Amino acid sequence: MKFEKIHNKGQAQLFRNRYLEMLTKTHPLIIWGMYVPVFIGMPWYAAARLGFEGWRIALLYLAGIFFWTFFEYIMHRWVFHMIAESERGRKFIYVMHGNHHHYPRDKERLFMPPIPSLLISGTIFGIMYLLMGKNVFMFFPGFILGYLMYGTMHYAIHAWNPPFKWMKGLWRNHHLHHYKDEGKGYGVSSTIWDHVFGTMFDLKKEKEDKEKVKELQFEK
């Protein structure tokens, strides 16, 4: 799906029903608050109740964070930017991601809102439990922390300039994805998979359009 126009003000209307519309918005701190018991409580449960050793908990926890970066890339590239033939499919893509390309300054839709977030994360937990058994209590919280770090990084990229020079490439990769080419730069929390799959921008050749970048960042 091609997202052609950047709107500097307002936000997309996703549903006519005001209550459904309200459920599409959230604040980052609400989502962090929801998942604190998950990424802290589950490792404690794995250690205190299931008897897993610290090294195994740490290893699977870190593996969950790393797996999130791959999951993020897959979803962004092949789900949120898929070419939909049907009107229903196009609507789905727009609700999930297209609205962000049209209204990149909309702060209320950078995280998945609470209800769909819980439904999706609960489903993912169930699938992981079937595949991993009790190891899920160490892997899944890392995966969730990876998601929260991704959402926070996404917010930061649209809110501020990179705090460190070594992070500038990550910032530019996402900005270019918005205003230059939606077929590249799918990584938000990491550029690892853009490098692996050949979708990384050649940042040495790409000139930064400062005016376009301003359109993508929240108003100060």
N, C-alpha and C. Protein backbone atom coordinates (compact mmCIF):
# COMPACT_ATOMS: atom_id res chain seq x y z
N MET A 1 0.84 -1.19 0.00
CA MET A 1 0.00 0.00 0.00
C MET A 1 0.88 1.24 0.00
N LYS A 2 0.52 2.23 -0.82
CA LYS A 2 1.30 3.46 -0.92
C LYS A 2 0.66 4.54 -0.07
N PHE A 3 1.48 5.12 0.82
CA PHE A 3 1.01 6.20 1.67
C PHE A 3 1.63 7.49 1.13
N GLU A 4 0.84 8.27 0.41
CA GLU A 4 1.43 9.34 -0.40
C GLU A 4 1.57 10.68 0.31
N LYS A 5 0.65 11.03 1.15
CA LYS A 5 0.63 12.39 1.68
C LYS A 5 0.90 12.41 3.18
N ILE A 6 1.74 13.36 3.59
CA ILE A 6 2.01 13.57 5.01
C ILE A 6 1.17 14.73 5.50
N HIS A 7 0.37 14.49 6.52
CA HIS A 7 -0.44 15.55 7.12
C HIS A 7 0.28 16.06 8.37
N ASN A 8 0.46 17.37 8.44
CA ASN A 8 1.20 17.96 9.56
C ASN A 8 0.34 18.16 10.80
N LYS A 9 -0.98 18.15 10.63
CA LYS A 9 -1.87 18.42 11.76
C LYS A 9 -2.97 17.37 11.83
N GLY A 10 -3.52 17.21 13.04
CA GLY A 10 -4.67 16.33 13.22
C GLY A 10 -4.30 14.86 13.28
N GLN A 11 -5.33 14.03 13.18
CA GLN A 11 -5.13 12.58 13.17
C GLN A 11 -6.22 11.94 12.34
N ALA A 12 -5.93 10.75 11.87
CA ALA A 12 -6.89 10.04 11.02
C ALA A 12 -8.11 9.60 11.83
N GLN A 13 -9.27 9.59 11.17
CA GLN A 13 -10.46 9.00 11.78
C GLN A 13 -10.57 7.57 11.27
N LEU A 14 -10.44 6.61 12.17
CA LEU A 14 -10.43 5.20 11.79
C LEU A 14 -11.81 4.57 11.84
N PHE A 15 -12.66 5.05 12.74
CA PHE A 15 -14.01 4.50 12.88
C PHE A 15 -15.01 5.65 13.05
N ARG A 16 -16.21 5.44 12.57
CA ARG A 16 -17.26 6.44 12.76
C ARG A 16 -17.79 6.43 14.18
N ASN A 17 -17.82 5.25 14.78
CA ASN A 17 -18.28 5.13 16.16
C ASN A 17 -17.25 5.75 17.10
N ARG A 18 -17.67 6.71 17.90
CA ARG A 18 -16.72 7.44 18.74
C ARG A 18 -16.08 6.56 19.81
N TYR A 19 -16.80 5.53 20.25
CA TYR A 19 -16.24 4.65 21.28
C TYR A 19 -15.16 3.74 20.69
N LEU A 20 -15.40 3.24 19.48
CA LEU A 20 -14.36 2.47 18.80
C LEU A 20 -13.16 3.35 18.49
N GLU A 21 -13.44 4.57 18.07
CA GLU A 21 -12.36 5.52 17.77
C GLU A 21 -11.51 5.77 19.02
N MET A 22 -12.16 5.92 20.15
CA MET A 22 -11.46 6.16 21.41
C MET A 22 -10.52 4.99 21.75
N LEU A 23 -10.95 3.78 21.42
CA LEU A 23 -10.16 2.58 21.74
C LEU A 23 -8.94 2.42 20.85
N THR A 24 -8.80 3.26 19.81
CA THR A 24 -7.63 3.18 18.93
C THR A 24 -6.49 4.06 19.41
N LYS A 25 -6.68 4.75 20.52
CA LYS A 25 -5.68 5.71 21.00
C LYS A 25 -5.17 5.30 22.38
N THR A 26 -3.94 5.68 22.65
CA THR A 26 -3.37 5.38 23.97
C THR A 26 -2.17 6.26 24.23
N HIS A 27 -1.64 6.17 25.44
CA HIS A 27 -0.42 6.88 25.81
C HIS A 27 0.65 5.83 26.12
N PRO A 28 1.90 6.09 25.73
CA PRO A 28 2.96 5.10 25.99
C PRO A 28 3.04 4.61 27.43
N LEU A 29 2.83 5.49 28.39
CA LEU A 29 2.95 5.09 29.80
C LEU A 29 1.87 4.09 30.21
N ILE A 30 0.72 4.15 29.56
CA ILE A 30 -0.34 3.18 29.86
C ILE A 30 0.11 1.79 29.45
N ILE A 31 0.71 1.69 28.27
CA ILE A 31 1.16 0.38 27.77
C ILE A 31 2.32 -0.14 28.61
N TRP A 32 3.24 0.74 28.96
CA TRP A 32 4.34 0.32 29.84
C TRP A 32 3.77 -0.20 31.17
N GLY A 33 2.81 0.53 31.73
CA GLY A 33 2.21 0.12 33.00
C GLY A 33 1.53 -1.23 32.92
N MET A 34 0.89 -1.51 31.78
CA MET A 34 0.22 -2.80 31.58
C MET A 34 1.18 -3.96 31.62
N TYR A 35 2.39 -3.76 31.05
CA TYR A 35 3.29 -4.89 30.85
C TYR A 35 4.43 -4.99 31.86
N VAL A 36 4.52 -4.05 32.80
CA VAL A 36 5.53 -4.17 33.85
C VAL A 36 5.42 -5.51 34.59
N PRO A 37 4.20 -5.95 34.98
CA PRO A 37 4.10 -7.25 35.66
C PRO A 37 4.58 -8.42 34.80
N VAL A 38 4.52 -8.26 33.47
CA VAL A 38 4.94 -9.33 32.57
C VAL A 38 6.46 -9.43 32.51
N PHE A 39 7.14 -8.32 32.17
CA PHE A 39 8.59 -8.44 31.96
C PHE A 39 9.39 -8.45 33.26
N ILE A 40 8.72 -8.19 34.39
CA ILE A 40 9.38 -8.36 35.70
C ILE A 40 8.87 -9.61 36.41
N GLY A 41 7.54 -9.79 36.39
CA GLY A 41 6.94 -10.88 37.15
C GLY A 41 7.21 -12.26 36.60
N MET A 42 7.21 -12.42 35.29
CA MET A 42 7.41 -13.76 34.72
C MET A 42 8.80 -14.33 35.00
N PRO A 43 9.89 -13.53 34.85
CA PRO A 43 11.21 -14.07 35.20
C PRO A 43 11.30 -14.45 36.68
N TRP A 44 10.66 -13.63 37.54
CA TRP A 44 10.64 -13.97 38.97
C TRP A 44 9.91 -15.29 39.19
N TYR A 45 8.80 -15.48 38.49
CA TYR A 45 8.04 -16.72 38.61
C TYR A 45 8.88 -17.91 38.13
N ALA A 46 9.62 -17.69 37.04
CA ALA A 46 10.46 -18.76 36.49
C ALA A 46 11.54 -19.17 37.48
N ALA A 47 12.06 -18.20 38.23
CA ALA A 47 13.12 -18.49 39.20
C ALA A 47 12.55 -19.03 40.51
N ALA A 48 11.55 -18.34 41.05
CA ALA A 48 11.05 -18.67 42.39
C ALA A 48 10.12 -19.87 42.40
N ARG A 49 9.33 -20.05 41.37
CA ARG A 49 8.32 -21.12 41.37
C ARG A 49 8.69 -22.31 40.49
N LEU A 50 9.36 -22.00 39.38
CA LEU A 50 9.69 -23.10 38.46
C LEU A 50 11.12 -23.61 38.64
N GLY A 51 11.92 -22.87 39.39
CA GLY A 51 13.27 -23.33 39.73
C GLY A 51 14.30 -23.22 38.64
N PHE A 52 14.09 -22.37 37.65
CA PHE A 52 15.09 -22.21 36.59
C PHE A 52 16.28 -21.41 37.11
N GLU A 53 17.46 -21.74 36.59
CA GLU A 53 18.69 -21.07 37.01
C GLU A 53 18.79 -19.69 36.36
N GLY A 54 19.54 -18.81 37.02
CA GLY A 54 19.66 -17.43 36.55
C GLY A 54 20.22 -17.30 35.15
N TRP A 55 21.24 -18.12 34.81
CA TRP A 55 21.85 -18.01 33.48
C TRP A 55 20.86 -18.35 32.38
N ARG A 56 20.00 -19.36 32.66
CA ARG A 56 19.03 -19.77 31.66
C ARG A 56 17.94 -18.70 31.49
N ILE A 57 17.53 -18.12 32.60
CA ILE A 57 16.54 -17.04 32.55
C ILE A 57 17.08 -15.87 31.74
N ALA A 58 18.33 -15.47 32.03
CA ALA A 58 18.94 -14.33 31.33
C ALA A 58 19.09 -14.61 29.84
N LEU A 59 19.52 -15.84 29.52
CA LEU A 59 19.76 -16.19 28.12
C LEU A 59 18.45 -16.17 27.32
N LEU A 60 17.40 -16.77 27.86
CA LEU A 60 16.13 -16.80 27.16
C LEU A 60 15.47 -15.42 27.12
N TYR A 61 15.69 -14.66 28.16
CA TYR A 61 15.16 -13.29 28.20
C TYR A 61 15.77 -12.46 27.07
N LEU A 62 17.09 -12.53 26.94
CA LEU A 62 17.77 -11.80 25.88
C LEU A 62 17.38 -12.32 24.50
N ALA A 63 17.17 -13.64 24.41
CA ALA A 63 16.73 -14.22 23.14
C ALA A 63 15.36 -13.68 22.75
N GLY A 64 14.50 -13.49 23.74
CA GLY A 64 13.17 -12.92 23.47
C GLY A 64 13.25 -11.51 22.95
N ILE A 65 14.15 -10.70 23.52
CA ILE A 65 14.35 -9.33 23.05
C ILE A 65 14.85 -9.35 21.61
N PHE A 66 15.83 -10.22 21.33
CA PHE A 66 16.39 -10.29 19.98
C PHE A 66 15.33 -10.79 18.98
N PHE A 67 14.53 -11.76 19.39
CA PHE A 67 13.49 -12.27 18.50
C PHE A 67 12.48 -11.17 18.16
N TRP A 68 12.22 -10.28 19.12
CA TRP A 68 11.30 -9.18 18.83
C TRP A 68 11.76 -8.39 17.61
N THR A 69 13.08 -8.11 17.49
CA THR A 69 13.57 -7.30 16.38
C THR A 69 13.24 -7.96 15.04
N PHE A 70 13.31 -9.30 15.00
CA PHE A 70 12.97 -10.03 13.78
C PHE A 70 11.46 -9.98 13.53
N PHE A 71 10.69 -10.18 14.58
CA PHE A 71 9.23 -10.13 14.48
C PHE A 71 8.78 -8.74 14.01
N GLU A 72 9.39 -7.71 14.57
CA GLU A 72 9.09 -6.33 14.18
C GLU A 72 9.31 -6.12 12.69
N TYR A 73 10.44 -6.61 12.19
CA TYR A 73 10.78 -6.46 10.78
C TYR A 73 9.77 -7.19 9.89
N ILE A 74 9.47 -8.43 10.25
CA ILE A 74 8.53 -9.24 9.47
C ILE A 74 7.16 -8.57 9.40
N MET A 75 6.67 -8.11 10.54
CA MET A 75 5.35 -7.48 10.58
C MET A 75 5.34 -6.19 9.77
N HIS A 76 6.36 -5.36 9.96
CA HIS A 76 6.39 -4.07 9.28
C HIS A 76 6.49 -4.25 7.76
N ARG A 77 7.33 -5.17 7.34
CA ARG A 77 7.54 -5.33 5.89
C ARG A 77 6.41 -6.07 5.21
N TRP A 78 6.02 -7.21 5.75
CA TRP A 78 5.11 -8.09 5.00
C TRP A 78 3.65 -8.04 5.46
N VAL A 79 3.36 -7.37 6.55
CA VAL A 79 1.97 -7.22 6.98
C VAL A 79 1.52 -5.77 6.83
N PHE A 80 2.25 -4.85 7.46
CA PHE A 80 1.82 -3.45 7.45
C PHE A 80 2.02 -2.78 6.10
N HIS A 81 2.89 -3.34 5.26
CA HIS A 81 3.11 -2.77 3.93
C HIS A 81 2.73 -3.75 2.81
N MET A 82 1.90 -4.70 3.12
CA MET A 82 1.48 -5.63 2.07
C MET A 82 0.53 -4.93 1.09
N ILE A 83 0.48 -5.45 -0.10
CA ILE A 83 -0.41 -4.91 -1.14
C ILE A 83 -1.74 -5.63 -1.03
N ALA A 84 -2.76 -4.91 -0.62
CA ALA A 84 -4.08 -5.51 -0.44
C ALA A 84 -4.95 -5.25 -1.67
N GLU A 85 -5.65 -6.27 -2.13
CA GLU A 85 -6.52 -6.15 -3.29
C GLU A 85 -7.93 -5.73 -2.90
N SER A 86 -8.37 -6.17 -1.74
CA SER A 86 -9.75 -5.89 -1.33
C SER A 86 -9.83 -4.60 -0.52
N GLU A 87 -11.02 -4.02 -0.49
CA GLU A 87 -11.24 -2.82 0.31
C GLU A 87 -11.06 -3.11 1.80
N ARG A 88 -11.51 -4.28 2.22
CA ARG A 88 -11.34 -4.66 3.63
C ARG A 88 -9.87 -4.78 4.00
N GLY A 89 -9.09 -5.34 3.08
CA GLY A 89 -7.66 -5.48 3.32
C GLY A 89 -6.97 -4.13 3.41
N ARG A 90 -7.34 -3.23 2.52
CA ARG A 90 -6.76 -1.88 2.56
C ARG A 90 -7.13 -1.15 3.84
N LYS A 91 -8.36 -1.35 4.29
CA LYS A 91 -8.81 -0.74 5.54
C LYS A 91 -7.99 -1.27 6.72
N PHE A 92 -7.77 -2.58 6.72
CA PHE A 92 -6.98 -3.20 7.79
C PHE A 92 -5.58 -2.59 7.85
N ILE A 93 -4.94 -2.48 6.69
CA ILE A 93 -3.59 -1.94 6.64
C ILE A 93 -3.57 -0.49 7.10
N TYR A 94 -4.58 0.26 6.70
CA TYR A 94 -4.63 1.67 7.09
C TYR A 94 -4.83 1.82 8.60
N VAL A 95 -5.71 1.01 9.16
CA VAL A 95 -5.94 1.07 10.61
C VAL A 95 -4.68 0.68 11.38
N MET A 96 -4.00 -0.36 10.90
CA MET A 96 -2.83 -0.87 11.61
C MET A 96 -1.61 0.02 11.46
N HIS A 97 -1.44 0.64 10.27
CA HIS A 97 -0.17 1.32 10.02
C HIS A 97 -0.27 2.53 9.09
N GLY A 98 -1.16 2.47 8.10
CA GLY A 98 -1.23 3.54 7.11
C GLY A 98 -1.51 4.90 7.70
N ASN A 99 -2.34 4.92 8.75
CA ASN A 99 -2.66 6.20 9.38
C ASN A 99 -1.41 6.88 9.95
N HIS A 100 -0.43 6.06 10.38
CA HIS A 100 0.80 6.64 10.91
C HIS A 100 1.60 7.33 9.81
N HIS A 101 1.58 6.78 8.60
CA HIS A 101 2.28 7.42 7.49
C HIS A 101 1.58 8.71 7.08
N HIS A 102 0.28 8.73 7.15
CA HIS A 102 -0.46 9.94 6.80
C HIS A 102 -0.34 11.01 7.89
N TYR A 103 -0.34 10.58 9.15
CA TYR A 103 -0.30 11.51 10.29
C TYR A 103 0.85 11.13 11.22
N PRO A 104 2.09 11.31 10.81
CA PRO A 104 3.23 10.88 11.64
C PRO A 104 3.37 11.65 12.94
N ARG A 105 2.66 12.79 13.07
CA ARG A 105 2.74 13.57 14.31
C ARG A 105 1.69 13.15 15.34
N ASP A 106 0.92 12.15 15.01
CA ASP A 106 -0.11 11.67 15.94
C ASP A 106 0.55 10.85 17.04
N LYS A 107 0.64 11.42 18.24
CA LYS A 107 1.32 10.76 19.35
C LYS A 107 0.50 9.63 19.97
N GLU A 108 -0.80 9.61 19.70
CA GLU A 108 -1.69 8.67 20.39
C GLU A 108 -1.77 7.31 19.71
N ARG A 109 -1.10 7.15 18.56
CA ARG A 109 -1.19 5.88 17.84
C ARG A 109 0.18 5.30 17.50
N LEU A 110 1.13 5.51 18.37
CA LEU A 110 2.45 4.92 18.17
C LEU A 110 2.58 3.57 18.86
N PHE A 111 1.74 3.31 19.86
CA PHE A 111 1.66 2.00 20.51
C PHE A 111 0.31 1.37 20.18
N MET A 112 0.29 0.05 20.15
CA MET A 112 -0.98 -0.66 20.01
C MET A 112 -1.82 -0.36 21.25
N PRO A 113 -3.07 0.10 21.07
CA PRO A 113 -3.92 0.44 22.23
C PRO A 113 -4.21 -0.78 23.10
N PRO A 114 -4.62 -0.57 24.36
CA PRO A 114 -4.69 -1.65 25.36
C PRO A 114 -5.46 -2.90 24.96
N ILE A 115 -6.69 -2.77 24.49
CA ILE A 115 -7.51 -3.96 24.24
C ILE A 115 -6.93 -4.83 23.13
N PRO A 116 -6.67 -4.30 21.92
CA PRO A 116 -6.06 -5.16 20.90
C PRO A 116 -4.67 -5.63 21.30
N SER A 117 -3.95 -4.81 22.07
CA SER A 117 -2.62 -5.21 22.52
C SER A 117 -2.69 -6.46 23.39
N LEU A 118 -3.63 -6.48 24.32
CA LEU A 118 -3.79 -7.64 25.20
C LEU A 118 -4.24 -8.88 24.43
N LEU A 119 -5.15 -8.68 23.48
CA LEU A 119 -5.63 -9.81 22.67
C LEU A 119 -4.50 -10.42 21.84
N ILE A 120 -3.72 -9.56 21.21
CA ILE A 120 -2.62 -10.04 20.36
C ILE A 120 -1.51 -10.67 21.20
N SER A 121 -1.12 -10.00 22.28
CA SER A 121 -0.04 -10.54 23.12
C SER A 121 -0.47 -11.84 23.79
N GLY A 122 -1.73 -11.92 24.16
CA GLY A 122 -2.23 -13.17 24.75
C GLY A 122 -2.19 -14.32 23.76
N THR A 123 -2.52 -14.04 22.51
CA THR A 123 -2.46 -15.06 21.46
C THR A 123 -1.02 -15.50 21.22
N ILE A 124 -0.12 -14.53 21.15
CA ILE A 124 1.30 -14.85 20.94
C ILE A 124 1.84 -15.67 22.11
N PHE A 125 1.46 -15.30 23.32
CA PHE A 125 1.89 -16.08 24.49
C PHE A 125 1.41 -17.52 24.39
N GLY A 126 0.15 -17.71 23.99
CA GLY A 126 -0.40 -19.06 23.85
C GLY A 126 0.35 -19.89 22.83
N ILE A 127 0.68 -19.28 21.69
CA ILE A 127 1.43 -20.00 20.65
C ILE A 127 2.82 -20.35 21.15
N MET A 128 3.47 -19.40 21.81
CA MET A 128 4.81 -19.65 22.34
C MET A 128 4.78 -20.74 23.41
N TYR A 129 3.74 -20.76 24.22
CA TYR A 129 3.64 -21.79 25.27
C TYR A 129 3.52 -23.18 24.65
N LEU A 130 2.75 -23.27 23.57
CA LEU A 130 2.61 -24.56 22.88
C LEU A 130 3.94 -25.02 22.29
N LEU A 131 4.75 -24.06 21.84
CA LEU A 131 6.02 -24.40 21.20
C LEU A 131 7.16 -24.59 22.20
N MET A 132 7.12 -23.84 23.31
CA MET A 132 8.27 -23.78 24.21
C MET A 132 8.01 -24.33 25.60
N GLY A 133 6.75 -24.57 25.93
CA GLY A 133 6.44 -25.02 27.27
C GLY A 133 6.76 -23.96 28.31
N LYS A 134 7.32 -24.36 29.45
CA LYS A 134 7.59 -23.43 30.55
C LYS A 134 8.69 -22.43 30.23
N ASN A 135 9.47 -22.67 29.19
CA ASN A 135 10.49 -21.72 28.78
C ASN A 135 9.88 -20.38 28.38
N VAL A 136 8.60 -20.40 28.07
CA VAL A 136 7.92 -19.18 27.65
C VAL A 136 7.93 -18.12 28.75
N PHE A 137 8.00 -18.54 30.02
CA PHE A 137 7.99 -17.59 31.12
C PHE A 137 9.29 -16.78 31.22
N MET A 138 10.29 -17.17 30.43
CA MET A 138 11.54 -16.41 30.35
C MET A 138 11.69 -15.73 29.01
N PHE A 139 11.19 -16.36 27.96
CA PHE A 139 11.33 -15.84 26.59
C PHE A 139 10.31 -14.73 26.30
N PHE A 140 9.06 -14.96 26.68
CA PHE A 140 7.99 -14.02 26.37
C PHE A 140 8.19 -12.65 27.02
N PRO A 141 8.59 -12.56 28.30
CA PRO A 141 8.80 -11.22 28.87
C PRO A 141 9.89 -10.43 28.17
N GLY A 142 10.92 -11.12 27.67
CA GLY A 142 11.94 -10.44 26.87
C GLY A 142 11.36 -9.92 25.57
N PHE A 143 10.51 -10.74 24.95
CA PHE A 143 9.82 -10.33 23.72
C PHE A 143 8.98 -9.08 23.97
N ILE A 144 8.27 -9.05 25.08
CA ILE A 144 7.43 -7.90 25.43
C ILE A 144 8.28 -6.67 25.71
N LEU A 145 9.39 -6.84 26.42
CA LEU A 145 10.27 -5.71 26.67
C LEU A 145 10.83 -5.18 25.35
N GLY A 146 11.12 -6.09 24.42
CA GLY A 146 11.57 -5.67 23.10
C GLY A 146 10.54 -4.80 22.41
N TYR A 147 9.26 -5.20 22.54
CA TYR A 147 8.18 -4.41 21.96
C TYR A 147 8.10 -3.02 22.58
N LEU A 148 8.21 -2.95 23.90
CA LEU A 148 8.14 -1.67 24.59
C LEU A 148 9.32 -0.77 24.22
N MET A 149 10.49 -1.36 24.06
CA MET A 149 11.65 -0.60 23.65
C MET A 149 11.48 -0.09 22.22
N TYR A 150 10.89 -0.92 21.37
CA TYR A 150 10.60 -0.52 19.99
C TYR A 150 9.65 0.68 19.97
N GLY A 151 8.54 0.58 20.74
CA GLY A 151 7.57 1.66 20.76
C GLY A 151 8.17 2.95 21.29
N THR A 152 9.01 2.83 22.32
CA THR A 152 9.66 4.00 22.89
C THR A 152 10.66 4.61 21.91
N MET A 153 11.40 3.75 21.22
CA MET A 153 12.35 4.23 20.21
C MET A 153 11.61 4.93 19.08
N HIS A 154 10.49 4.35 18.66
CA HIS A 154 9.68 4.95 17.60
C HIS A 154 9.21 6.34 18.02
N TYR A 155 8.76 6.44 19.25
CA TYR A 155 8.33 7.74 19.79
C TYR A 155 9.50 8.73 19.77
N ALA A 156 10.67 8.29 20.22
CA ALA A 156 11.84 9.16 20.29
C ALA A 156 12.26 9.65 18.91
N ILE A 157 12.19 8.77 17.91
CA ILE A 157 12.59 9.13 16.55
C ILE A 157 11.70 10.25 16.00
N HIS A 158 10.42 10.22 16.39
CA HIS A 158 9.50 11.25 15.92
C HIS A 158 9.47 12.47 16.84
N ALA A 159 10.10 12.39 17.99
CA ALA A 159 10.04 13.49 18.96
C ALA A 159 11.32 14.32 19.02
N TRP A 160 12.47 13.65 18.94
CA TRP A 160 13.74 14.35 19.18
C TRP A 160 14.79 13.97 18.15
N ASN A 161 15.85 14.74 18.14
CA ASN A 161 17.03 14.38 17.36
C ASN A 161 17.76 13.26 18.10
N PRO A 162 18.55 12.46 17.39
CA PRO A 162 19.25 11.36 18.07
C PRO A 162 20.15 11.87 19.18
N PRO A 163 20.08 11.26 20.37
CA PRO A 163 20.87 11.73 21.51
C PRO A 163 22.37 11.43 21.37
N PHE A 164 22.71 10.42 20.57
CA PHE A 164 24.11 10.05 20.36
C PHE A 164 24.39 9.94 18.86
N LYS A 165 25.59 10.26 18.47
CA LYS A 165 25.97 10.26 17.06
C LYS A 165 25.78 8.88 16.44
N TRP A 166 26.09 7.81 17.20
CA TRP A 166 26.01 6.45 16.65
C TRP A 166 24.57 6.01 16.39
N MET A 167 23.59 6.76 16.91
CA MET A 167 22.19 6.43 16.69
C MET A 167 21.60 7.16 15.48
N LYS A 168 22.35 8.06 14.86
CA LYS A 168 21.82 8.87 13.77
C LYS A 168 21.37 8.00 12.59
N GLY A 169 22.11 6.93 12.32
CA GLY A 169 21.74 6.05 11.21
C GLY A 169 20.36 5.44 11.39
N LEU A 170 20.02 5.07 12.63
CA LEU A 170 18.71 4.50 12.93
C LEU A 170 17.62 5.55 12.69
N TRP A 171 17.87 6.76 13.15
CA TRP A 171 16.92 7.86 12.95
C TRP A 171 16.70 8.11 11.45
N ARG A 172 17.79 8.22 10.71
CA ARG A 172 17.70 8.54 9.28
C ARG A 172 17.03 7.41 8.50
N ASN A 173 17.31 6.18 8.89
CA ASN A 173 16.71 5.03 8.21
C ASN A 173 15.18 5.10 8.28
N HIS A 174 14.66 5.47 9.46
CA HIS A 174 13.21 5.54 9.62
C HIS A 174 12.64 6.78 8.93
N HIS A 175 13.33 7.90 9.02
CA HIS A 175 12.84 9.10 8.33
C HIS A 175 12.76 8.87 6.82
N LEU A 176 13.79 8.24 6.26
CA LEU A 176 13.79 7.96 4.83
C LEU A 176 12.68 6.99 4.44
N HIS A 177 12.38 6.05 5.32
CA HIS A 177 11.27 5.13 5.08
C HIS A 177 9.96 5.90 4.93
N HIS A 178 9.81 6.96 5.70
CA HIS A 178 8.58 7.77 5.65
C HIS A 178 8.51 8.62 4.38
N TYR A 179 9.56 9.36 4.09
CA TYR A 179 9.41 10.36 3.02
C TYR A 179 10.12 10.03 1.71
N LYS A 180 10.96 8.97 1.70
CA LYS A 180 11.71 8.66 0.48
C LYS A 180 11.23 7.38 -0.20
N ASP A 181 11.22 6.27 0.56
CA ASP A 181 10.91 4.98 -0.06
C ASP A 181 10.36 4.03 1.01
N GLU A 182 9.07 3.72 0.91
CA GLU A 182 8.44 2.82 1.88
C GLU A 182 8.81 1.36 1.65
N GLY A 183 9.58 1.10 0.61
CA GLY A 183 10.04 -0.26 0.34
C GLY A 183 11.38 -0.57 0.98
N LYS A 184 11.88 0.35 1.79
CA LYS A 184 13.14 0.15 2.51
C LYS A 184 12.98 0.68 3.93
N GLY A 185 13.97 0.36 4.77
CA GLY A 185 14.02 0.93 6.11
C GLY A 185 12.91 0.46 7.03
N TYR A 186 12.71 -0.85 7.11
CA TYR A 186 11.62 -1.39 7.93
C TYR A 186 11.98 -1.49 9.41
N GLY A 187 13.25 -1.50 9.73
CA GLY A 187 13.65 -1.61 11.12
C GLY A 187 13.46 -0.29 11.86
N VAL A 188 12.90 -0.36 13.05
CA VAL A 188 12.70 0.83 13.88
C VAL A 188 13.58 0.78 15.12
N SER A 189 13.54 -0.32 15.83
CA SER A 189 14.38 -0.45 17.02
C SER A 189 15.79 -0.92 16.68
N SER A 190 15.96 -1.45 15.47
CA SER A 190 17.27 -1.94 15.04
C SER A 190 17.31 -2.00 13.51
N THR A 191 18.50 -1.82 12.95
CA THR A 191 18.65 -1.95 11.48
C THR A 191 19.25 -3.31 11.09
N ILE A 192 19.38 -4.20 12.05
CA ILE A 192 20.01 -5.51 11.78
C ILE A 192 19.37 -6.21 10.60
N TRP A 193 18.04 -6.31 10.61
CA TRP A 193 17.37 -7.12 9.59
C TRP A 193 17.26 -6.39 8.25
N ASP A 194 17.32 -5.05 8.28
CA ASP A 194 17.42 -4.32 7.02
C ASP A 194 18.74 -4.66 6.32
N HIS A 195 19.80 -4.79 7.10
CA HIS A 195 21.09 -5.19 6.53
C HIS A 195 21.03 -6.63 6.02
N VAL A 196 20.43 -7.51 6.80
CA VAL A 196 20.37 -8.93 6.43
C VAL A 196 19.57 -9.13 5.15
N PHE A 197 18.42 -8.45 5.02
CA PHE A 197 17.52 -8.65 3.89
C PHE A 197 17.69 -7.62 2.77
N GLY A 198 18.70 -6.77 2.88
CA GLY A 198 19.00 -5.84 1.79
C GLY A 198 18.03 -4.69 1.64
N THR A 199 17.38 -4.27 2.72
CA THR A 199 16.43 -3.16 2.63
C THR A 199 16.94 -1.93 3.39
N MET A 200 18.22 -1.91 3.70
CA MET A 200 18.82 -0.77 4.38
C MET A 200 19.13 0.33 3.37
N PHE A 201 18.82 1.56 3.72
CA PHE A 201 19.20 2.68 2.87
C PHE A 201 20.72 2.84 2.87
N ASP A 202 21.26 3.27 1.74
CA ASP A 202 22.68 3.61 1.67
C ASP A 202 22.80 5.04 2.19
N LEU A 203 23.04 5.17 3.47
CA LEU A 203 23.01 6.48 4.12
C LEU A 203 24.11 7.41 3.65
N LYS A 204 25.18 6.85 3.07
CA LYS A 204 26.26 7.69 2.55
C LYS A 204 25.83 8.43 1.27
N LYS A 205 24.86 7.84 0.57
CA LYS A 205 24.42 8.44 -0.70
C LYS A 205 23.14 9.26 -0.55
N GLU A 206 22.41 9.04 0.55
CA GLU A 206 21.13 9.73 0.74
C GLU A 206 21.33 11.07 1.43
N LYS A 207 20.87 12.13 0.78
CA LYS A 207 20.92 13.45 1.39
C LYS A 207 19.71 13.63 2.31
N GLU A 208 19.95 14.26 3.43
CA GLU A 208 18.88 14.46 4.40
C GLU A 208 18.04 15.68 4.01
N ASP A 209 16.74 15.47 3.88
CA ASP A 209 15.81 16.55 3.59
C ASP A 209 15.28 17.06 4.92
N LYS A 210 15.86 18.15 5.42
CA LYS A 210 15.52 18.63 6.75
C LYS A 210 14.08 19.09 6.86
N GLU A 211 13.52 19.61 5.79
CA GLU A 211 12.12 20.05 5.81
C GLU A 211 11.19 18.85 5.93
N LYS A 212 11.51 17.77 5.22
CA LYS A 212 10.70 16.55 5.30
C LYS A 212 10.79 15.94 6.69
N VAL A 213 11.98 15.98 7.27
CA VAL A 213 12.16 15.45 8.61
C VAL A 213 11.30 16.22 9.61
N LYS A 214 11.24 17.53 9.45
CA LYS A 214 10.41 18.36 10.34
C LYS A 214 8.94 17.95 10.27
N GLU A 215 8.48 17.57 9.08
CA GLU A 215 7.10 17.16 8.91
C GLU A 215 6.80 15.86 9.68
N LEU A 216 7.84 15.07 9.91
CA LEU A 216 7.65 13.78 10.58
C LEU A 216 7.75 13.87 12.10
N GLN A 217 8.29 14.97 12.60
CA GLN A 217 8.53 15.10 14.03
C GLN A 217 7.43 15.89 14.70
N PHE A 218 7.17 15.54 15.96
CA PHE A 218 6.14 16.21 16.71
C PHE A 218 6.43 17.70 16.82
N GLU A 219 5.39 18.48 16.85
CA GLU A 219 5.57 19.92 17.00
C GLU A 219 6.12 20.22 18.38
N LYS A 220 7.09 21.09 18.40
CA LYS A 220 7.75 21.45 19.67
C LYS A 220 6.85 22.42 20.45
